Amino acid sequence: MNDKLKVLVRLDLDCGEAEVAAQGHVTAKSIQALYVVVKRANHLKEGLHLVVDVSHARVEPAAMEQLQACSESHHLPESIDPLQSECNISVLAPTGWAPMSLAA
């Protein structure tokens, strides 16, 4: 698998949905670039449902935990979105990924 992060955005504004699909290696550092894309997609339409699909990426546990925290809080990190706009995110995790609390 390629280490370079590739991101594809699919929009369906009529249905109010967007998919941000990432491939490659998602790290605690590269996730910042993914957040920027998610933020831009989120501002296209109020109330947009965003699906962040990392199911075909190699995701470091710290990065996955950050994505899940955003999904639970409905906000991107303050460093990315200082205004803390509502962000309705669902995360599609890689196959076999389990939260640390469940994996132990």
PDB file of N, CA and C in Angstrom:
ATOM      1  N   MET A   1       0.839  -1.182   0.000  1.00  0.00           N
ATOM      2  CA  MET A   1       0.000   0.000   0.000  1.00  0.00           C
ATOM      3  C   MET A   1       0.881   1.241   0.000  1.00  0.00           C
ATOM      4  N   ASN A   2       0.456   2.230  -0.734  1.00  0.00           N
ATOM      5  CA  ASN A   2       1.192   3.481  -0.871  1.00  0.00           C
ATOM      6  C   ASN A   2       1.091   4.312   0.411  1.00  0.00           C
ATOM      7  N   ASP A   3       2.199   4.942   0.818  1.00  0.00           N
ATOM      8  CA  ASP A   3       2.190   5.799   2.002  1.00  0.00           C
ATOM      9  C   ASP A   3       1.590   7.170   1.724  1.00  0.00           C
ATOM     10  N   LYS A   4       1.528   7.562   0.459  1.00  0.00           N
ATOM     11  CA  LYS A   4       0.995   8.872   0.098  1.00  0.00           C
ATOM     12  C   LYS A   4      -0.515   8.895   0.346  1.00  0.00           C
ATOM     13  N   LEU A   5      -0.989   9.962   0.967  1.00  0.00           N
ATOM     14  CA  LEU A   5      -2.410  10.105   1.254  1.00  0.00           C
ATOM     15  C   LEU A   5      -3.131  10.644   0.024  1.00  0.00           C
ATOM     16  N   LYS A   6      -4.148   9.910  -0.417  1.00  0.00           N
ATOM     17  CA  LYS A   6      -4.980  10.333  -1.541  1.00  0.00           C
ATOM     18  C   LYS A   6      -6.396  10.508  -1.011  1.00  0.00           C
ATOM     19  N   VAL A   7      -7.033  11.606  -1.385  1.00  0.00           N
ATOM     20  CA  VAL A   7      -8.376  11.898  -0.893  1.00  0.00           C
ATOM     21  C   VAL A   7      -9.288  12.211  -2.073  1.00  0.00           C
ATOM     22  N   LEU A   8     -10.459  11.586  -2.073  1.00  0.00           N
ATOM     23  CA  LEU A   8     -11.474  11.817  -3.095  1.00  0.00           C
ATOM     24  C   LEU A   8     -12.757  12.239  -2.388  1.00  0.00           C
ATOM     25  N   VAL A   9     -13.390  13.301  -2.879  1.00  0.00           N
ATOM     26  CA  VAL A   9     -14.636  13.782  -2.286  1.00  0.00           C
ATOM     27  C   VAL A   9     -15.763  13.556  -3.284  1.00  0.00           C
ATOM     28  N   ARG A  10     -16.822  12.911  -2.806  1.00  0.00           N
ATOM     29  CA  ARG A  10     -18.032  12.717  -3.612  1.00  0.00           C
ATOM     30  C   ARG A  10     -19.154  13.486  -2.925  1.00  0.00           C
ATOM     31  N   LEU A  11     -19.857  14.307  -3.676  1.00  0.00           N
ATOM     32  CA  LEU A  11     -20.925  15.131  -3.112  1.00  0.00           C
ATOM     33  C   LEU A  11     -22.268  14.804  -3.735  1.00  0.00           C
ATOM     34  N   ASP A  12     -23.282  14.755  -2.905  1.00  0.00           N
ATOM     35  CA  ASP A  12     -24.662  14.680  -3.359  1.00  0.00           C
ATOM     36  C   ASP A  12     -25.410  15.750  -2.575  1.00  0.00           C
ATOM     37  N   LEU A  13     -25.393  16.965  -3.087  1.00  0.00           N
ATOM     38  CA  LEU A  13     -25.992  18.084  -2.367  1.00  0.00           C
ATOM     39  C   LEU A  13     -27.506  17.959  -2.276  1.00  0.00           C
ATOM     40  N   ASP A  14     -28.131  17.292  -3.250  1.00  0.00           N
ATOM     41  CA  ASP A  14     -29.581  17.093  -3.185  1.00  0.00           C
ATOM     42  C   ASP A  14     -29.966  16.240  -1.980  1.00  0.00           C
ATOM     43  N   CYS A  15     -29.155  15.234  -1.689  1.00  0.00           N
ATOM     44  CA  CYS A  15     -29.417  14.349  -0.545  1.00  0.00           C
ATOM     45  C   CYS A  15     -28.732  14.839   0.728  1.00  0.00           C
ATOM     46  N   GLY A  16     -27.898  15.854   0.605  1.00  0.00           N
ATOM     47  CA  GLY A  16     -27.223  16.397   1.780  1.00  0.00           C
ATOM     48  C   GLY A  16     -26.139  15.494   2.323  1.00  0.00           C
ATOM     49  N   GLU A  17     -25.443  14.795   1.424  1.00  0.00           N
ATOM     50  CA  GLU A  17     -24.388  13.878   1.851  1.00  0.00           C
ATOM     51  C   GLU A  17     -23.100  14.129   1.083  1.00  0.00           C
ATOM     52  N   ALA A  18     -22.002  13.866   1.764  1.00  0.00           N
ATOM     53  CA  ALA A  18     -20.686  13.927   1.129  1.00  0.00           C
ATOM     54  C   ALA A  18     -19.852  12.779   1.667  1.00  0.00           C
ATOM     55  N   GLU A  19     -19.066  12.185   0.791  1.00  0.00           N
ATOM     56  CA  GLU A  19     -18.138  11.138   1.209  1.00  0.00           C
ATOM     57  C   GLU A  19     -16.725  11.649   0.963  1.00  0.00           C
ATOM     58  N   VAL A  20     -15.913  11.574   1.997  1.00  0.00           N
ATOM     59  CA  VAL A  20     -14.499  11.915   1.888  1.00  0.00           C
ATOM     60  C   VAL A  20     -13.753  10.599   2.042  1.00  0.00           C
ATOM     61  N   ALA A  21     -13.258  10.068   0.934  1.00  0.00           N
ATOM     62  CA  ALA A  21     -12.599   8.762   0.930  1.00  0.00           C
ATOM     63  C   ALA A  21     -11.088   8.942   0.877  1.00  0.00           C
ATOM     64  N   ALA A  22     -10.409   8.314   1.824  1.00  0.00           N
ATOM     65  CA  ALA A  22      -8.948   8.419   1.897  1.00  0.00           C
ATOM     66  C   ALA A  22      -8.312   7.067   1.624  1.00  0.00           C
ATOM     67  N   GLN A  23      -7.224   7.096   0.901  1.00  0.00           N
ATOM     68  CA  GLN A  23      -6.406   5.908   0.666  1.00  0.00           C
ATOM     69  C   GLN A  23      -4.968   6.271   0.973  1.00  0.00           C
ATOM     70  N   GLY A  24      -4.181   5.263   1.282  1.00  0.00           N
ATOM     71  CA  GLY A  24      -2.785   5.492   1.628  1.00  0.00           C
ATOM     72  C   GLY A  24      -2.587   5.327   3.116  1.00  0.00           C
ATOM     73  N   HIS A  25      -1.721   6.142   3.695  1.00  0.00           N
ATOM     74  CA  HIS A  25      -1.361   6.022   5.110  1.00  0.00           C
ATOM     75  C   HIS A  25      -1.861   7.251   5.861  1.00  0.00           C
ATOM     76  N   VAL A  26      -2.807   7.030   6.776  1.00  0.00           N
ATOM     77  CA  VAL A  26      -3.340   8.118   7.598  1.00  0.00           C
ATOM     78  C   VAL A  26      -2.622   8.078   8.941  1.00  0.00           C
ATOM     79  N   THR A  27      -1.856   9.122   9.200  1.00  0.00           N
ATOM     80  CA  THR A  27      -1.087   9.212  10.442  1.00  0.00           C
ATOM     81  C   THR A  27      -1.631  10.370  11.281  1.00  0.00           C
ATOM     82  N   ALA A  28      -1.115  10.493  12.492  1.00  0.00           N
ATOM     83  CA  ALA A  28      -1.503  11.612  13.351  1.00  0.00           C
ATOM     84  C   ALA A  28      -1.117  12.941  12.704  1.00  0.00           C
ATOM     85  N   LYS A  29      -0.116  12.928  11.839  1.00  0.00           N
ATOM     86  CA  LYS A  29       0.312  14.148  11.140  1.00  0.00           C
ATOM     87  C   LYS A  29      -0.507  14.368   9.861  1.00  0.00           C
ATOM     88  N   SER A  30      -0.667  13.329   9.048  1.00  0.00           N
ATOM     89  CA  SER A  30      -1.364  13.495   7.767  1.00  0.00           C
ATOM     90  C   SER A  30      -2.866  13.707   7.933  1.00  0.00           C
ATOM     91  N   ILE A  31      -3.394  13.346   9.103  1.00  0.00           N
ATOM     92  CA  ILE A  31      -4.832  13.526   9.324  1.00  0.00           C
ATOM     93  C   ILE A  31      -5.216  15.002   9.283  1.00  0.00           C
ATOM     94  N   GLN A  32      -4.251  15.881   9.551  1.00  0.00           N
ATOM     95  CA  GLN A  32      -4.524  17.324   9.494  1.00  0.00           C
ATOM     96  C   GLN A  32      -4.985  17.725   8.090  1.00  0.00           C
ATOM     97  N   ALA A  33      -4.365  17.161   7.068  1.00  0.00           N
ATOM     98  CA  ALA A  33      -4.767  17.448   5.687  1.00  0.00           C
ATOM     99  C   ALA A  33      -6.168  16.908   5.411  1.00  0.00           C
ATOM    100  N   LEU A  34      -6.472  15.741   5.960  1.00  0.00           N
ATOM    101  CA  LEU A  34      -7.802  15.156   5.798  1.00  0.00           C
ATOM    102  C   LEU A  34      -8.855  16.048   6.459  1.00  0.00           C
ATOM    103  N   TYR A  35      -8.544  16.570   7.634  1.00  0.00           N
ATOM    104  CA  TYR A  35      -9.461  17.479   8.329  1.00  0.00           C
ATOM    105  C   TYR A  35      -9.757  18.723   7.498  1.00  0.00           C
ATOM    106  N   VAL A  36      -8.759  19.251   6.814  1.00  0.00           N
ATOM    107  CA  VAL A  36      -8.959  20.448   5.989  1.00  0.00           C
ATOM    108  C   VAL A  36      -9.958  20.156   4.873  1.00  0.00           C
ATOM    109  N   VAL A  37      -9.849  18.985   4.256  1.00  0.00           N
ATOM    110  CA  VAL A  37     -10.782  18.595   3.198  1.00  0.00           C
ATOM    111  C   VAL A  37     -12.186  18.419   3.782  1.00  0.00           C
ATOM    112  N   VAL A  38     -12.285  17.782   4.940  1.00  0.00           N
ATOM    113  CA  VAL A  38     -13.582  17.582   5.596  1.00  0.00           C
ATOM    114  C   VAL A  38     -14.210  18.938   5.935  1.00  0.00           C
ATOM    115  N   LYS A  39     -13.406  19.853   6.428  1.00  0.00           N
ATOM    116  CA  LYS A  39     -13.919  21.188   6.774  1.00  0.00           C
ATOM    117  C   LYS A  39     -14.485  21.887   5.539  1.00  0.00           C
ATOM    118  N   ARG A  40     -13.763  21.820   4.433  1.00  0.00           N
ATOM    119  CA  ARG A  40     -14.244  22.457   3.195  1.00  0.00           C
ATOM    120  C   ARG A  40     -15.552  21.826   2.736  1.00  0.00           C
ATOM    121  N   ALA A  41     -15.620  20.505   2.784  1.00  0.00           N
ATOM    122  CA  ALA A  41     -16.855  19.817   2.387  1.00  0.00           C
ATOM    123  C   ALA A  41     -18.005  20.201   3.317  1.00  0.00           C
ATOM    124  N   ASN A  42     -17.726  20.303   4.605  1.00  0.00           N
ATOM    125  CA  ASN A  42     -18.759  20.625   5.590  1.00  0.00           C
ATOM    126  C   ASN A  42     -19.364  22.008   5.355  1.00  0.00           C
ATOM    127  N   HIS A  43     -18.587  22.926   4.802  1.00  0.00           N
ATOM    128  CA  HIS A  43     -19.075  24.287   4.602  1.00  0.00           C
ATOM    129  C   HIS A  43     -19.795  24.476   3.266  1.00  0.00           C
ATOM    130  N   LEU A  44     -19.946  23.407   2.487  1.00  0.00           N
ATOM    131  CA  LEU A  44     -20.653  23.528   1.214  1.00  0.00           C
ATOM    132  C   LEU A  44     -22.156  23.675   1.402  1.00  0.00           C
ATOM    133  N   LYS A  45     -22.677  23.027   2.461  1.00  0.00           N
ATOM    134  CA  LYS A  45     -24.115  23.070   2.707  1.00  0.00           C
ATOM    135  C   LYS A  45     -24.354  22.832   4.187  1.00  0.00           C
ATOM    136  N   GLU A  46     -25.189  23.649   4.793  1.00  0.00           N
ATOM    137  CA  GLU A  46     -25.500  23.488   6.209  1.00  0.00           C
ATOM    138  C   GLU A  46     -26.234  22.162   6.430  1.00  0.00           C
ATOM    139  N   GLY A  47     -25.846  21.445   7.478  1.00  0.00           N
ATOM    140  CA  GLY A  47     -26.491  20.181   7.819  1.00  0.00           C
ATOM    141  C   GLY A  47     -26.024  18.995   6.996  1.00  0.00           C
ATOM    142  N   LEU A  48     -24.971  19.151   6.243  1.00  0.00           N
ATOM    143  CA  LEU A  48     -24.443  18.082   5.402  1.00  0.00           C
ATOM    144  C   LEU A  48     -23.982  16.906   6.253  1.00  0.00           C
ATOM    145  N   HIS A  49     -24.340  15.695   5.854  1.00  0.00           N
ATOM    146  CA  HIS A  49     -23.850  14.494   6.528  1.00  0.00           C
ATOM    147  C   HIS A  49     -22.577  14.051   5.820  1.00  0.00           C
ATOM    148  N   LEU A  50     -21.485  13.969   6.568  1.00  0.00           N
ATOM    149  CA  LEU A  50     -20.185  13.611   6.004  1.00  0.00           C
ATOM    150  C   LEU A  50     -19.804  12.196   6.398  1.00  0.00           C
ATOM    151  N   VAL A  51     -19.430  11.408   5.419  1.00  0.00           N
ATOM    152  CA  VAL A  51     -18.902  10.072   5.669  1.00  0.00           C
ATOM    153  C   VAL A  51     -17.412  10.127   5.360  1.00  0.00           C
ATOM    154  N   VAL A  52     -16.599   9.863   6.370  1.00  0.00           N
ATOM    155  CA  VAL A  52     -15.151   9.810   6.180  1.00  0.00           C
ATOM    156  C   VAL A  52     -14.796   8.336   6.038  1.00  0.00           C
ATOM    157  N   ASP A  53     -14.474   7.938   4.825  1.00  0.00           N
ATOM    158  CA  ASP A  53     -14.202   6.534   4.511  1.00  0.00           C
ATOM    159  C   ASP A  53     -12.696   6.289   4.490  1.00  0.00           C
ATOM    160  N   VAL A  54     -12.215   5.649   5.537  1.00  0.00           N
ATOM    161  CA  VAL A  54     -10.800   5.264   5.603  1.00  0.00           C
ATOM    162  C   VAL A  54     -10.670   3.740   5.547  1.00  0.00           C
ATOM    163  N   SER A  55     -11.719   3.090   5.022  1.00  0.00           N
ATOM    164  CA  SER A  55     -11.738   1.625   4.989  1.00  0.00           C
ATOM    165  C   SER A  55     -10.676   1.036   4.060  1.00  0.00           C
ATOM    166  N   HIS A  56     -10.175   1.832   3.116  1.00  0.00           N
ATOM    167  CA  HIS A  56      -9.141   1.350   2.193  1.00  0.00           C
ATOM    168  C   HIS A  56      -7.794   2.011   2.462  1.00  0.00           C
ATOM    169  N   ALA A  57      -7.635   2.514   3.669  1.00  0.00           N
ATOM    170  CA  ALA A  57      -6.385   3.178   4.053  1.00  0.00           C
ATOM    171  C   ALA A  57      -5.728   2.411   5.195  1.00  0.00           C
ATOM    172  N   ARG A  58      -4.457   2.668   5.377  1.00  0.00           N
ATOM    173  CA  ARG A  58      -3.745   2.155   6.555  1.00  0.00           C
ATOM    174  C   ARG A  58      -3.784   3.292   7.569  1.00  0.00           C
ATOM    175  N   VAL A  59      -4.482   3.071   8.674  1.00  0.00           N
ATOM    176  CA  VAL A  59      -4.735   4.143   9.634  1.00  0.00           C
ATOM    177  C   VAL A  59      -4.055   3.824  10.958  1.00  0.00           C
ATOM    178  N   GLU A  60      -3.220   4.754  11.406  1.00  0.00           N
ATOM    179  CA  GLU A  60      -2.589   4.587  12.713  1.00  0.00           C
ATOM    180  C   GLU A  60      -3.658   4.712  13.800  1.00  0.00           C
ATOM    181  N   PRO A  61      -3.535   3.945  14.882  1.00  0.00           N
ATOM    182  CA  PRO A  61      -4.540   3.987  15.952  1.00  0.00           C
ATOM    183  C   PRO A  61      -4.819   5.397  16.478  1.00  0.00           C
ATOM    184  N   ALA A  62      -3.796   6.216  16.653  1.00  0.00           N
ATOM    185  CA  ALA A  62      -4.002   7.579  17.162  1.00  0.00           C
ATOM    186  C   ALA A  62      -4.862   8.397  16.200  1.00  0.00           C
ATOM    187  N   ALA A  63      -4.656   8.217  14.906  1.00  0.00           N
ATOM    188  CA  ALA A  63      -5.441   8.943  13.909  1.00  0.00           C
ATOM    189  C   ALA A  63      -6.891   8.465  13.917  1.00  0.00           C
ATOM    190  N   MET A  64      -7.090   7.157  14.045  1.00  0.00           N
ATOM    191  CA  MET A  64      -8.447   6.613  14.080  1.00  0.00           C
ATOM    192  C   MET A  64      -9.193   7.104  15.310  1.00  0.00           C
ATOM    193  N   GLU A  65      -8.508   7.156  16.426  1.00  0.00           N
ATOM    194  CA  GLU A  65      -9.129   7.650  17.656  1.00  0.00           C
ATOM    195  C   GLU A  65      -9.531   9.118  17.506  1.00  0.00           C
ATOM    196  N   GLN A  66      -8.702   9.902  16.820  1.00  0.00           N
ATOM    197  CA  GLN A  66      -9.036  11.312  16.582  1.00  0.00           C
ATOM    198  C   GLN A  66     -10.286  11.436  15.707  1.00  0.00           C
ATOM    199  N   LEU A  67     -10.359  10.606  14.670  1.00  0.00           N
ATOM    200  CA  LEU A  67     -11.536  10.633  13.799  1.00  0.00           C
ATOM    201  C   LEU A  67     -12.796  10.266  14.568  1.00  0.00           C
ATOM    202  N   GLN A  68     -12.692   9.246  15.400  1.00  0.00           N
ATOM    203  CA  GLN A  68     -13.862   8.829  16.170  1.00  0.00           C
ATOM    204  C   GLN A  68     -14.270   9.895  17.183  1.00  0.00           C
ATOM    205  N   ALA A  69     -13.305  10.581  17.762  1.00  0.00           N
ATOM    206  CA  ALA A  69     -13.617  11.665  18.699  1.00  0.00           C
ATOM    207  C   ALA A  69     -14.372  12.785  17.978  1.00  0.00           C
ATOM    208  N   CYS A  70     -13.977  13.083  16.750  1.00  0.00           N
ATOM    209  CA  CYS A  70     -14.684  14.096  15.960  1.00  0.00           C
ATOM    210  C   CYS A  70     -16.111  13.642  15.654  1.00  0.00           C
ATOM    211  N   SER A  71     -16.264  12.370  15.349  1.00  0.00           N
ATOM    212  CA  SER A  71     -17.586  11.825  15.074  1.00  0.00           C
ATOM    213  C   SER A  71     -18.490  11.938  16.299  1.00  0.00           C
ATOM    214  N   GLU A  72     -17.944  11.649  17.461  1.00  0.00           N
ATOM    215  CA  GLU A  72     -18.728  11.698  18.698  1.00  0.00           C
ATOM    216  C   GLU A  72     -19.054  13.132  19.121  1.00  0.00           C
ATOM    217  N   SER A  73     -18.112  14.042  18.934  1.00  0.00           N
ATOM    218  CA  SER A  73     -18.309  15.429  19.380  1.00  0.00           C
ATOM    219  C   SER A  73     -19.037  16.299  18.350  1.00  0.00           C
ATOM    220  N   HIS A  74     -19.083  15.838  17.099  1.00  0.00           N
ATOM    221  CA  HIS A  74     -19.656  16.596  15.978  1.00  0.00           C
ATOM    222  C   HIS A  74     -18.890  17.891  15.705  1.00  0.00           C
ATOM    223  N   HIS A  75     -17.591  17.861  16.000  1.00  0.00           N
ATOM    224  CA  HIS A  75     -16.733  19.013  15.736  1.00  0.00           C
ATOM    225  C   HIS A  75     -15.368  18.533  15.272  1.00  0.00           C
ATOM    226  N   LEU A  76     -14.744  19.322  14.405  1.00  0.00           N
ATOM    227  CA  LEU A  76     -13.355  19.086  14.029  1.00  0.00           C
ATOM    228  C   LEU A  76     -12.467  19.689  15.113  1.00  0.00           C
ATOM    229  N   PRO A  77     -11.195  19.326  15.144  1.00  0.00           N
ATOM    230  CA  PRO A  77     -10.297  19.924  16.144  1.00  0.00           C
ATOM    231  C   PRO A  77     -10.308  21.454  16.039  1.00  0.00           C
ATOM    232  N   GLU A  78     -10.173  22.110  17.168  1.00  0.00           N
ATOM    233  CA  GLU A  78     -10.216  23.572  17.211  1.00  0.00           C
ATOM    234  C   GLU A  78      -9.109  24.204  16.370  1.00  0.00           C
ATOM    235  N   SER A  79      -7.975  23.512  16.251  1.00  0.00           N
ATOM    236  CA  SER A  79      -6.875  24.040  15.433  1.00  0.00           C
ATOM    237  C   SER A  79      -7.249  24.094  13.950  1.00  0.00           C
ATOM    238  N   ILE A  80      -8.175  23.245  13.522  1.00  0.00           N
ATOM    239  CA  ILE A  80      -8.640  23.213  12.135  1.00  0.00           C
ATOM    240  C   ILE A  80      -9.847  24.134  11.957  1.00  0.00           C
ATOM    241  N   ASP A  81     -10.764  24.098  12.910  1.00  0.00           N
ATOM    242  CA  ASP A  81     -11.986  24.896  12.837  1.00  0.00           C
ATOM    243  C   ASP A  81     -12.176  25.682  14.131  1.00  0.00           C
ATOM    244  N   PRO A  82     -11.532  26.852  14.228  1.00  0.00           N
ATOM    245  CA  PRO A  82     -11.616  27.648  15.463  1.00  0.00           C
ATOM    246  C   PRO A  82     -13.043  28.040  15.849  1.00  0.00           C
ATOM    247  N   LEU A  83     -13.949  28.131  14.862  1.00  0.00           N
ATOM    248  CA  LEU A  83     -15.334  28.499  15.150  1.00  0.00           C
ATOM    249  C   LEU A  83     -16.165  27.319  15.656  1.00  0.00           C
ATOM    250  N   GLN A  84     -15.599  26.121  15.559  1.00  0.00           N
ATOM    251  CA  GLN A  84     -16.258  24.896  16.019  1.00  0.00           C
ATOM    252  C   GLN A  84     -17.659  24.727  15.420  1.00  0.00           C
ATOM    253  N   SER A  85     -17.728  24.794  14.098  1.00  0.00           N
ATOM    254  CA  SER A  85     -18.981  24.567  13.380  1.00  0.00           C
ATOM    255  C   SER A  85     -19.441  23.134  13.593  1.00  0.00           C
ATOM    256  N   GLU A  86     -20.752  22.949  13.611  1.00  0.00           N
ATOM    257  CA  GLU A  86     -21.327  21.607  13.724  1.00  0.00           C
ATOM    258  C   GLU A  86     -20.866  20.794  12.517  1.00  0.00           C
ATOM    259  N   CYS A  87     -20.421  19.576  12.758  1.00  0.00           N
ATOM    260  CA  CYS A  87     -19.892  18.720  11.696  1.00  0.00           C
ATOM    261  C   CYS A  87     -20.387  17.300  11.939  1.00  0.00           C
ATOM    262  N   ASN A  88     -21.362  16.877  11.149  1.00  0.00           N
ATOM    263  CA  ASN A  88     -21.985  15.565  11.317  1.00  0.00           C
ATOM    264  C   ASN A  88     -21.172  14.516  10.558  1.00  0.00           C
ATOM    265  N   ILE A  89     -20.267  13.843  11.272  1.00  0.00           N
ATOM    266  CA  ILE A  89     -19.319  12.911  10.656  1.00  0.00           C
ATOM    267  C   ILE A  89     -19.614  11.475  11.062  1.00  0.00           C
ATOM    268  N   SER A  90     -19.592  10.586  10.075  1.00  0.00           N
ATOM    269  CA  SER A  90     -19.574   9.141  10.313  1.00  0.00           C
ATOM    270  C   SER A  90     -18.251   8.631   9.761  1.00  0.00           C
ATOM    271  N   VAL A  91     -17.658   7.665  10.440  1.00  0.00           N
ATOM    272  CA  VAL A  91     -16.359   7.141  10.019  1.00  0.00           C
ATOM    273  C   VAL A  91     -16.510   5.681   9.608  1.00  0.00           C
ATOM    274  N   LEU A  92     -16.046   5.354   8.399  1.00  0.00           N
ATOM    275  CA  LEU A  92     -15.968   3.962   7.953  1.00  0.00           C
ATOM    276  C   LEU A  92     -14.541   3.498   8.187  1.00  0.00           C
ATOM    277  N   ALA A  93     -14.373   2.645   9.185  1.00  0.00           N
ATOM    278  CA  ALA A  93     -13.042   2.192   9.598  1.00  0.00           C
ATOM    279  C   ALA A  93     -12.551   1.047   8.720  1.00  0.00           C
ATOM    280  N   PRO A  94     -11.239   0.834   8.709  1.00  0.00           N
ATOM    281  CA  PRO A  94     -10.687  -0.322   7.997  1.00  0.00           C
ATOM    282  C   PRO A  94     -11.216  -1.624   8.601  1.00  0.00           C
ATOM    283  N   THR A  95     -11.318  -2.643   7.791  1.00  0.00           N
ATOM    284  CA  THR A  95     -11.765  -3.950   8.255  1.00  0.00           C
ATOM    285  C   THR A  95     -10.856  -4.447   9.365  1.00  0.00           C
ATOM    286  N   GLY A  96     -11.466  -4.940  10.422  1.00  0.00           N
ATOM    287  CA  GLY A  96     -10.688  -5.497  11.526  1.00  0.00           C
ATOM    288  C   GLY A  96     -10.268  -4.489  12.562  1.00  0.00           C
ATOM    289  N   TRP A  97     -10.585  -3.203  12.341  1.00  0.00           N
ATOM    290  CA  TRP A  97     -10.199  -2.201  13.333  1.00  0.00           C
ATOM    291  C   TRP A  97     -11.199  -2.227  14.466  1.00  0.00           C
ATOM    292  N   ALA A  98     -10.693  -2.168  15.679  1.00  0.00           N
ATOM    293  CA  ALA A  98     -11.549  -2.118  16.866  1.00  0.00           C
ATOM    294  C   ALA A  98     -10.974  -1.082  17.815  1.00  0.00           C
ATOM    295  N   PRO A  99     -11.844  -0.349  18.511  1.00  0.00           N
ATOM    296  CA  PRO A  99     -11.333   0.606  19.501  1.00  0.00           C
ATOM    297  C   PRO A  99     -10.461  -0.098  20.520  1.00  0.00           C
ATOM    298  N   MET A 100      -9.469   0.606  21.039  1.00  0.00           N
ATOM    299  CA  MET A 100      -8.531   0.022  21.992  1.00  0.00           C
ATOM    300  C   MET A 100      -9.243  -0.598  23.184  1.00  0.00           C
ATOM    301  N   SER A 101     -10.317   0.022  23.658  1.00  0.00           N
ATOM    302  CA  SER A 101     -11.020  -0.498  24.822  1.00  0.00           C
ATOM    303  C   SER A 101     -11.688  -1.834  24.524  1.00  0.00           C
ATOM    304  N   LEU A 102     -12.103  -2.063  23.276  1.00  0.00           N
ATOM    305  CA  LEU A 102     -12.727  -3.325  22.910  1.00  0.00           C
ATOM    306  C   LEU A 102     -11.695  -4.385  22.542  1.00  0.00           C
ATOM    307  N   ALA A 103     -10.557  -3.953  22.036  1.00  0.00           N
ATOM    308  CA  ALA A 103      -9.535  -4.898  21.583  1.00  0.00           C
ATOM    309  C   ALA A 103      -8.799  -5.534  22.755  1.00  0.00           C
ATOM    310  N   ALA A 104      -8.767  -4.877  23.899  1.00  0.00           N
ATOM    311  CA  ALA A 104      -8.024  -5.381  25.060  1.00  0.00           C
ATOM    312  C   ALA A 104      -8.748  -6.501  25.750  1.00  0.00           C
TER     313      ALA A 104
END
